[in-house]
Amino acid sequence: RHLVVGKRGAVATSQPQAALAGME
């Protein structure tokens, strides 16, 4: 995996759909 970089916000968790929920 590669490091993910952003400026305004970030989320990380054990399920992709849950991460999408946070980003929503």
mmCIF file of all heavy atoms, coordinates in Angstrom:
data_MODEL
# 
_entry.id   MODEL 
# 
loop_
_atom_site.group_PDB 
_atom_site.id 
_atom_site.type_symbol 
_atom_site.label_atom_id 
_atom_site.label_alt_id 
_atom_site.label_comp_id 
_atom_site.label_asym_id 
_atom_site.label_entity_id 
_atom_site.label_seq_id 
_atom_site.pdbx_PDB_ins_code 
_atom_site.Cartn_x 
_atom_site.Cartn_y 
_atom_site.Cartn_z 
_atom_site.occupancy 
_atom_site.B_iso_or_equiv 
_atom_site.pdbx_formal_charge 
_atom_site.auth_seq_id 
_atom_site.auth_comp_id 
_atom_site.auth_asym_id 
_atom_site.auth_atom_id 
_atom_site.pdbx_PDB_model_num 
ATOM 1   N N   . ARG A 1 1  ? 0.848   -1.183 0.000  1.00 0.00 ? 1  ARG A N   1 
ATOM 2   C CA  . ARG A 1 1  ? 0.000   0.000  0.000  1.00 0.00 ? 1  ARG A CA  1 
ATOM 3   C C   . ARG A 1 1  ? 0.891   1.244  0.000  1.00 0.00 ? 1  ARG A C   1 
ATOM 4   O O   . ARG A 1 1  ? 2.010   1.216  0.495  1.00 0.00 ? 1  ARG A O   1 
ATOM 5   C CB  . ARG A 1 1  ? -0.896  0.016  1.238  1.00 0.00 ? 1  ARG A CB  1 
ATOM 6   C CG  . ARG A 1 1  ? -1.919  -1.117 1.294  1.00 0.00 ? 1  ARG A CG  1 
ATOM 7   C CD  . ARG A 1 1  ? -2.743  -0.988 2.559  1.00 0.00 ? 1  ARG A CD  1 
ATOM 8   N NE  . ARG A 1 1  ? -3.685  -2.064 2.725  1.00 0.00 ? 1  ARG A NE  1 
ATOM 9   C CZ  . ARG A 1 1  ? -4.934  -2.061 2.291  1.00 0.00 ? 1  ARG A CZ  1 
ATOM 10  N NH1 . ARG A 1 1  ? -5.380  -1.007 1.624  1.00 0.00 ? 1  ARG A NH1 1 
ATOM 11  N NH2 . ARG A 1 1  ? -5.743  -3.082 2.500  1.00 0.00 ? 1  ARG A NH2 1 
ATOM 12  N N   . HIS A 1 2  ? 0.352   2.341  -0.524 1.00 0.00 ? 2  HIS A N   1 
ATOM 13  C CA  . HIS A 1 2  ? 1.069   3.604  -0.533 1.00 0.00 ? 2  HIS A CA  1 
ATOM 14  C C   . HIS A 1 2  ? 0.423   4.567  0.444  1.00 0.00 ? 2  HIS A C   1 
ATOM 15  O O   . HIS A 1 2  ? -0.777  4.519  0.711  1.00 0.00 ? 2  HIS A O   1 
ATOM 16  C CB  . HIS A 1 2  ? 1.053   4.227  -1.933 1.00 0.00 ? 2  HIS A CB  1 
ATOM 17  C CG  . HIS A 1 2  ? 1.917   3.510  -2.918 1.00 0.00 ? 2  HIS A CG  1 
ATOM 18  N ND1 . HIS A 1 2  ? 3.230   3.847  -3.148 1.00 0.00 ? 2  HIS A ND1 1 
ATOM 19  C CD2 . HIS A 1 2  ? 1.657   2.454  -3.720 1.00 0.00 ? 2  HIS A CD2 1 
ATOM 20  C CE1 . HIS A 1 2  ? 3.750   3.027  -4.060 1.00 0.00 ? 2  HIS A CE1 1 
ATOM 21  N NE2 . HIS A 1 2  ? 2.806   2.175  -4.426 1.00 0.00 ? 2  HIS A NE2 1 
ATOM 22  N N   . LEU A 1 3  ? 1.215   5.457  0.982  1.00 0.00 ? 3  LEU A N   1 
ATOM 23  C CA  . LEU A 1 3  ? 0.727   6.516  1.845  1.00 0.00 ? 3  LEU A CA  1 
ATOM 24  C C   . LEU A 1 3  ? -0.246  7.398  1.058  1.00 0.00 ? 3  LEU A C   1 
ATOM 25  O O   . LEU A 1 3  ? -0.007  7.708  -0.109 1.00 0.00 ? 3  LEU A O   1 
ATOM 26  C CB  . LEU A 1 3  ? 1.915   7.345  2.331  1.00 0.00 ? 3  LEU A CB  1 
ATOM 27  C CG  . LEU A 1 3  ? 1.713   8.280  3.513  1.00 0.00 ? 3  LEU A CG  1 
ATOM 28  C CD1 . LEU A 1 3  ? 1.419   7.476  4.774  1.00 0.00 ? 3  LEU A CD1 1 
ATOM 29  C CD2 . LEU A 1 3  ? 2.972   9.117  3.721  1.00 0.00 ? 3  LEU A CD2 1 
ATOM 30  N N   . VAL A 1 4  ? -1.342  7.791  1.697  1.00 0.00 ? 4  VAL A N   1 
ATOM 31  C CA  . VAL A 1 4  ? -2.326  8.677  1.071  1.00 0.00 ? 4  VAL A CA  1 
ATOM 32  C C   . VAL A 1 4  ? -2.138  10.072 1.657  1.00 0.00 ? 4  VAL A C   1 
ATOM 33  O O   . VAL A 1 4  ? -2.042  10.240 2.873  1.00 0.00 ? 4  VAL A O   1 
ATOM 34  C CB  . VAL A 1 4  ? -3.759  8.164  1.334  1.00 0.00 ? 4  VAL A CB  1 
ATOM 35  C CG1 . VAL A 1 4  ? -4.783  9.129  0.749  1.00 0.00 ? 4  VAL A CG1 1 
ATOM 36  C CG2 . VAL A 1 4  ? -3.932  6.772  0.734  1.00 0.00 ? 4  VAL A CG2 1 
ATOM 37  N N   . VAL A 1 5  ? -2.095  11.071 0.792  1.00 0.00 ? 5  VAL A N   1 
ATOM 38  C CA  . VAL A 1 5  ? -1.783  12.438 1.223  1.00 0.00 ? 5  VAL A CA  1 
ATOM 39  C C   . VAL A 1 5  ? -2.907  13.373 0.802  1.00 0.00 ? 5  VAL A C   1 
ATOM 40  O O   . VAL A 1 5  ? -3.404  13.301 -0.325 1.00 0.00 ? 5  VAL A O   1 
ATOM 41  C CB  . VAL A 1 5  ? -0.451  12.915 0.608  1.00 0.00 ? 5  VAL A CB  1 
ATOM 42  C CG1 . VAL A 1 5  ? -0.105  14.319 1.092  1.00 0.00 ? 5  VAL A CG1 1 
ATOM 43  C CG2 . VAL A 1 5  ? 0.671   11.943 0.955  1.00 0.00 ? 5  VAL A CG2 1 
ATOM 44  N N   . GLY A 1 6  ? -3.321  14.237 1.719  1.00 0.00 ? 6  GLY A N   1 
ATOM 45  C CA  . GLY A 1 6  ? -4.355  15.215 1.424  1.00 0.00 ? 6  GLY A CA  1 
ATOM 46  C C   . GLY A 1 6  ? -4.117  16.496 2.193  1.00 0.00 ? 6  GLY A C   1 
ATOM 47  O O   . GLY A 1 6  ? -3.159  16.617 2.958  1.00 0.00 ? 6  GLY A O   1 
ATOM 48  N N   . LYS A 1 7  ? -5.038  17.441 2.028  1.00 0.00 ? 7  LYS A N   1 
ATOM 49  C CA  . LYS A 1 7  ? -4.898  18.741 2.680  1.00 0.00 ? 7  LYS A CA  1 
ATOM 50  C C   . LYS A 1 7  ? -6.078  19.067 3.590  1.00 0.00 ? 7  LYS A C   1 
ATOM 51  O O   . LYS A 1 7  ? -5.901  19.606 4.677  1.00 0.00 ? 7  LYS A O   1 
ATOM 52  C CB  . LYS A 1 7  ? -4.753  19.836 1.615  1.00 0.00 ? 7  LYS A CB  1 
ATOM 53  C CG  . LYS A 1 7  ? -4.628  21.243 2.187  1.00 0.00 ? 7  LYS A CG  1 
ATOM 54  C CD  . LYS A 1 7  ? -4.535  22.259 1.069  1.00 0.00 ? 7  LYS A CD  1 
ATOM 55  C CE  . LYS A 1 7  ? -4.462  23.689 1.646  1.00 0.00 ? 7  LYS A CE  1 
ATOM 56  N NZ  . LYS A 1 7  ? -4.434  24.716 0.574  1.00 0.00 ? 7  LYS A NZ  1 
ATOM 57  N N   . ARG A 1 8  ? -7.303  18.734 3.153  1.00 0.00 ? 8  ARG A N   1 
ATOM 58  C CA  . ARG A 1 8  ? -8.501  19.188 3.864  1.00 0.00 ? 8  ARG A CA  1 
ATOM 59  C C   . ARG A 1 8  ? -9.036  18.182 4.862  1.00 0.00 ? 8  ARG A C   1 
ATOM 60  O O   . ARG A 1 8  ? -9.617  18.556 5.884  1.00 0.00 ? 8  ARG A O   1 
ATOM 61  C CB  . ARG A 1 8  ? -9.593  19.538 2.856  1.00 0.00 ? 8  ARG A CB  1 
ATOM 62  C CG  . ARG A 1 8  ? -9.223  20.675 1.924  1.00 0.00 ? 8  ARG A CG  1 
ATOM 63  C CD  . ARG A 1 8  ? -10.263 20.874 0.846  1.00 0.00 ? 8  ARG A CD  1 
ATOM 64  N NE  . ARG A 1 8  ? -9.884  21.958 -0.066 1.00 0.00 ? 8  ARG A NE  1 
ATOM 65  C CZ  . ARG A 1 8  ? -9.092  21.793 -1.107 1.00 0.00 ? 8  ARG A CZ  1 
ATOM 66  N NH1 . ARG A 1 8  ? -8.582  20.599 -1.379 1.00 0.00 ? 8  ARG A NH1 1 
ATOM 67  N NH2 . ARG A 1 8  ? -8.784  22.824 -1.880 1.00 0.00 ? 8  ARG A NH2 1 
ATOM 68  N N   . GLY A 1 9  ? -8.887  16.900 4.558  1.00 0.00 ? 9  GLY A N   1 
ATOM 69  C CA  . GLY A 1 9  ? -9.434  15.892 5.452  1.00 0.00 ? 9  GLY A CA  1 
ATOM 70  C C   . GLY A 1 9  ? -8.916  14.516 5.092  1.00 0.00 ? 9  GLY A C   1 
ATOM 71  O O   . GLY A 1 9  ? -8.445  14.282 3.970  1.00 0.00 ? 9  GLY A O   1 
ATOM 72  N N   . ALA A 1 10 ? -9.005  13.599 6.052  1.00 0.00 ? 10 ALA A N   1 
ATOM 73  C CA  . ALA A 1 10 ? -8.538  12.236 5.822  1.00 0.00 ? 10 ALA A CA  1 
ATOM 74  C C   . ALA A 1 10 ? -9.284  11.283 6.740  1.00 0.00 ? 10 ALA A C   1 
ATOM 75  O O   . ALA A 1 10 ? -9.669  11.633 7.859  1.00 0.00 ? 10 ALA A O   1 
ATOM 76  C CB  . ALA A 1 10 ? -7.033  12.119 6.059  1.00 0.00 ? 10 ALA A CB  1 
ATOM 77  N N   . VAL A 1 11 ? -9.470  10.057 6.249  1.00 0.00 ? 11 VAL A N   1 
ATOM 78  C CA  . VAL A 1 11 ? -10.099 8.995  7.037  1.00 0.00 ? 11 VAL A CA  1 
ATOM 79  C C   . VAL A 1 11 ? -9.362  7.696  6.757  1.00 0.00 ? 11 VAL A C   1 
ATOM 80  O O   . VAL A 1 11 ? -8.768  7.513  5.688  1.00 0.00 ? 11 VAL A O   1 
ATOM 81  C CB  . VAL A 1 11 ? -11.600 8.822  6.690  1.00 0.00 ? 11 VAL A CB  1 
ATOM 82  C CG1 . VAL A 1 11 ? -12.395 10.058 7.059  1.00 0.00 ? 11 VAL A CG1 1 
ATOM 83  C CG2 . VAL A 1 11 ? -11.786 8.480  5.207  1.00 0.00 ? 11 VAL A CG2 1 
ATOM 84  N N   . ALA A 1 12 ? -9.417  6.778  7.717  1.00 0.00 ? 12 ALA A N   1 
ATOM 85  C CA  . ALA A 1 12 ? -8.820  5.456  7.518  1.00 0.00 ? 12 ALA A CA  1 
ATOM 86  C C   . ALA A 1 12 ? -9.532  4.472  8.426  1.00 0.00 ? 12 ALA A C   1 
ATOM 87  O O   . ALA A 1 12 ? -9.743  4.742  9.612  1.00 0.00 ? 12 ALA A O   1 
ATOM 88  C CB  . ALA A 1 12 ? -7.328  5.482  7.841  1.00 0.00 ? 12 ALA A CB  1 
ATOM 89  N N   . THR A 1 13 ? -9.892  3.329  7.861  1.00 0.00 ? 13 THR A N   1 
ATOM 90  C CA  . THR A 1 13 ? -10.502 2.272  8.661  1.00 0.00 ? 13 THR A CA  1 
ATOM 91  C C   . THR A 1 13 ? -10.401 0.946  7.923  1.00 0.00 ? 13 THR A C   1 
ATOM 92  O O   . THR A 1 13 ? -9.842  0.873  6.820  1.00 0.00 ? 13 THR A O   1 
ATOM 93  C CB  . THR A 1 13 ? -11.954 2.612  9.042  1.00 0.00 ? 13 THR A CB  1 
ATOM 94  O OG1 . THR A 1 13 ? -12.409 1.708  10.048 1.00 0.00 ? 13 THR A OG1 1 
ATOM 95  C CG2 . THR A 1 13 ? -12.885 2.557  7.839  1.00 0.00 ? 13 THR A CG2 1 
ATOM 96  N N   . SER A 1 14 ? -10.969 -0.111 8.527  1.00 0.00 ? 14 SER A N   1 
ATOM 97  C CA  . SER A 1 14 ? -10.727 -1.476 8.055  1.00 0.00 ? 14 SER A CA  1 
ATOM 98  C C   . SER A 1 14 ? -11.658 -1.939 6.941  1.00 0.00 ? 14 SER A C   1 
ATOM 99  O O   . SER A 1 14 ? -11.507 -3.050 6.453  1.00 0.00 ? 14 SER A O   1 
ATOM 100 C CB  . SER A 1 14 ? -10.820 -2.455 9.233  1.00 0.00 ? 14 SER A CB  1 
ATOM 101 O OG  . SER A 1 14 ? -12.049 -2.302 9.910  1.00 0.00 ? 14 SER A OG  1 
ATOM 102 N N   . GLN A 1 15 ? -12.621 -1.124 6.524  1.00 0.00 ? 15 GLN A N   1 
ATOM 103 C CA  . GLN A 1 15 ? -13.504 -1.453 5.413  1.00 0.00 ? 15 GLN A CA  1 
ATOM 104 C C   . GLN A 1 15 ? -13.581 -0.290 4.443  1.00 0.00 ? 15 GLN A C   1 
ATOM 105 O O   . GLN A 1 15 ? -13.854 0.846  4.851  1.00 0.00 ? 15 GLN A O   1 
ATOM 106 C CB  . GLN A 1 15 ? -14.910 -1.793 5.926  1.00 0.00 ? 15 GLN A CB  1 
ATOM 107 C CG  . GLN A 1 15 ? -14.999 -3.101 6.674  1.00 0.00 ? 15 GLN A CG  1 
ATOM 108 C CD  . GLN A 1 15 ? -14.635 -4.283 5.797  1.00 0.00 ? 15 GLN A CD  1 
ATOM 109 O OE1 . GLN A 1 15 ? -15.157 -4.448 4.691  1.00 0.00 ? 15 GLN A OE1 1 
ATOM 110 N NE2 . GLN A 1 15 ? -13.718 -5.105 6.277  1.00 0.00 ? 15 GLN A NE2 1 
ATOM 111 N N   . PRO A 1 16 ? -13.354 -0.530 3.132  1.00 0.00 ? 16 PRO A N   1 
ATOM 112 C CA  . PRO A 1 16 ? -13.406 0.570  2.167  1.00 0.00 ? 16 PRO A CA  1 
ATOM 113 C C   . PRO A 1 16 ? -14.736 1.319  2.165  1.00 0.00 ? 16 PRO A C   1 
ATOM 114 O O   . PRO A 1 16 ? -14.762 2.546  2.090  1.00 0.00 ? 16 PRO A O   1 
ATOM 115 C CB  . PRO A 1 16 ? -13.165 -0.139 0.818  1.00 0.00 ? 16 PRO A CB  1 
ATOM 116 C CG  . PRO A 1 16 ? -12.370 -1.350 1.177  1.00 0.00 ? 16 PRO A CG  1 
ATOM 117 C CD  . PRO A 1 16 ? -12.911 -1.797 2.497  1.00 0.00 ? 16 PRO A CD  1 
ATOM 118 N N   . GLN A 1 17 ? -15.874 0.566  2.265  1.00 0.00 ? 17 GLN A N   1 
ATOM 119 C CA  . GLN A 1 17 ? -17.174 1.244  2.252  1.00 0.00 ? 17 GLN A CA  1 
ATOM 120 C C   . GLN A 1 17 ? -17.356 2.140  3.468  1.00 0.00 ? 17 GLN A C   1 
ATOM 121 O O   . GLN A 1 17 ? -18.011 3.178  3.399  1.00 0.00 ? 17 GLN A O   1 
ATOM 122 C CB  . GLN A 1 17 ? -18.313 0.224  2.193  1.00 0.00 ? 17 GLN A CB  1 
ATOM 123 C CG  . GLN A 1 17 ? -18.334 -0.616 0.931  1.00 0.00 ? 17 GLN A CG  1 
ATOM 124 C CD  . GLN A 1 17 ? -17.705 -1.981 1.158  1.00 0.00 ? 17 GLN A CD  1 
ATOM 125 O OE1 . GLN A 1 17 ? -16.688 -2.104 1.853  1.00 0.00 ? 17 GLN A OE1 1 
ATOM 126 N NE2 . GLN A 1 17 ? -18.293 -3.016 0.570  1.00 0.00 ? 17 GLN A NE2 1 
ATOM 127 N N   . ALA A 1 18 ? -16.772 1.742  4.591  1.00 0.00 ? 18 ALA A N   1 
ATOM 128 C CA  . ALA A 1 18 ? -16.847 2.589  5.788  1.00 0.00 ? 18 ALA A CA  1 
ATOM 129 C C   . ALA A 1 18 ? -16.001 3.846  5.610  1.00 0.00 ? 18 ALA A C   1 
ATOM 130 O O   . ALA A 1 18 ? -16.402 4.941  6.028  1.00 0.00 ? 18 ALA A O   1 
ATOM 131 C CB  . ALA A 1 18 ? -16.395 1.806  7.016  1.00 0.00 ? 18 ALA A CB  1 
ATOM 132 N N   . ALA A 1 19 ? -14.824 3.696  5.005  1.00 0.00 ? 19 ALA A N   1 
ATOM 133 C CA  . ALA A 1 19 ? -14.007 4.872  4.717  1.00 0.00 ? 19 ALA A CA  1 
ATOM 134 C C   . ALA A 1 19 ? -14.753 5.832  3.791  1.00 0.00 ? 19 ALA A C   1 
ATOM 135 O O   . ALA A 1 19 ? -14.705 7.057  3.973  1.00 0.00 ? 19 ALA A O   1 
ATOM 136 C CB  . ALA A 1 19 ? -12.677 4.450  4.102  1.00 0.00 ? 19 ALA A CB  1 
ATOM 137 N N   . LEU A 1 20 ? -15.460 5.260  2.815  1.00 0.00 ? 20 LEU A N   1 
ATOM 138 C CA  . LEU A 1 20 ? -16.265 6.098  1.920  1.00 0.00 ? 20 LEU A CA  1 
ATOM 139 C C   . LEU A 1 20 ? -17.363 6.825  2.681  1.00 0.00 ? 20 LEU A C   1 
ATOM 140 O O   . LEU A 1 20 ? -17.667 7.992  2.395  1.00 0.00 ? 20 LEU A O   1 
ATOM 141 C CB  . LEU A 1 20 ? -16.880 5.239  0.814  1.00 0.00 ? 20 LEU A CB  1 
ATOM 142 C CG  . LEU A 1 20 ? -15.920 4.737  -0.263 1.00 0.00 ? 20 LEU A CG  1 
ATOM 143 C CD1 . LEU A 1 20 ? -16.608 3.708  -1.158 1.00 0.00 ? 20 LEU A CD1 1 
ATOM 144 C CD2 . LEU A 1 20 ? -15.401 5.900  -1.108 1.00 0.00 ? 20 LEU A CD2 1 
ATOM 145 N N   . ALA A 1 21 ? -17.954 6.152  3.670  1.00 0.00 ? 21 ALA A N   1 
ATOM 146 C CA  . ALA A 1 21 ? -18.978 6.794  4.497  1.00 0.00 ? 21 ALA A CA  1 
ATOM 147 C C   . ALA A 1 21 ? -18.406 8.007  5.216  1.00 0.00 ? 21 ALA A C   1 
ATOM 148 O O   . ALA A 1 21 ? -19.038 9.077  5.285  1.00 0.00 ? 21 ALA A O   1 
ATOM 149 C CB  . ALA A 1 21 ? -19.543 5.792  5.502  1.00 0.00 ? 21 ALA A CB  1 
ATOM 150 N N   . GLY A 1 22 ? -17.205 7.856  5.757  1.00 0.00 ? 22 GLY A N   1 
ATOM 151 C CA  . GLY A 1 22 ? -16.565 8.984  6.413  1.00 0.00 ? 22 GLY A CA  1 
ATOM 152 C C   . GLY A 1 22 ? -16.266 10.118 5.459  1.00 0.00 ? 22 GLY A C   1 
ATOM 153 O O   . GLY A 1 22 ? -16.494 11.296 5.773  1.00 0.00 ? 22 GLY A O   1 
ATOM 154 N N   . MET A 1 23 ? -15.772 9.778  4.278  1.00 0.00 ? 23 MET A N   1 
ATOM 155 C CA  . MET A 1 23 ? -15.460 10.810 3.294  1.00 0.00 ? 23 MET A CA  1 
ATOM 156 C C   . MET A 1 23 ? -16.725 11.518 2.803  1.00 0.00 ? 23 MET A C   1 
ATOM 157 O O   . MET A 1 23 ? -16.709 12.728 2.546  1.00 0.00 ? 23 MET A O   1 
ATOM 158 C CB  . MET A 1 23 ? -14.690 10.200 2.123  1.00 0.00 ? 23 MET A CB  1 
ATOM 159 C CG  . MET A 1 23 ? -14.153 11.226 1.136  1.00 0.00 ? 23 MET A CG  1 
ATOM 160 S SD  . MET A 1 23 ? -13.123 12.538 1.874  1.00 0.00 ? 23 MET A SD  1 
ATOM 161 C CE  . MET A 1 23 ? -11.661 11.612 2.350  1.00 0.00 ? 23 MET A CE  1 
ATOM 162 N N   . GLU A 1 24 ? -17.837 10.772 2.699  1.00 0.00 ? 24 GLU A N   1 
ATOM 163 C CA  . GLU A 1 24 ? -19.117 11.404 2.343  1.00 0.00 ? 24 GLU A CA  1 
ATOM 164 C C   . GLU A 1 24 ? -19.436 12.544 3.300  1.00 0.00 ? 24 GLU A C   1 
ATOM 165 O O   . GLU A 1 24 ? -19.882 13.617 2.890  1.00 0.00 ? 24 GLU A O   1 
ATOM 166 C CB  . GLU A 1 24 ? -20.259 10.374 2.401  1.00 0.00 ? 24 GLU A CB  1 
ATOM 167 C CG  . GLU A 1 24 ? -20.413 9.485  1.204  1.00 0.00 ? 24 GLU A CG  1 
ATOM 168 C CD  . GLU A 1 24 ? -21.649 8.599  1.333  1.00 0.00 ? 24 GLU A CD  1 
ATOM 169 O OE1 . GLU A 1 24 ? -22.720 9.139  1.678  1.00 0.00 ? 24 GLU A OE1 1 
ATOM 170 O OE2 . GLU A 1 24 ? -21.542 7.380  1.110  1.00 0.00 ? 24 GLU A OE2 1 
# 
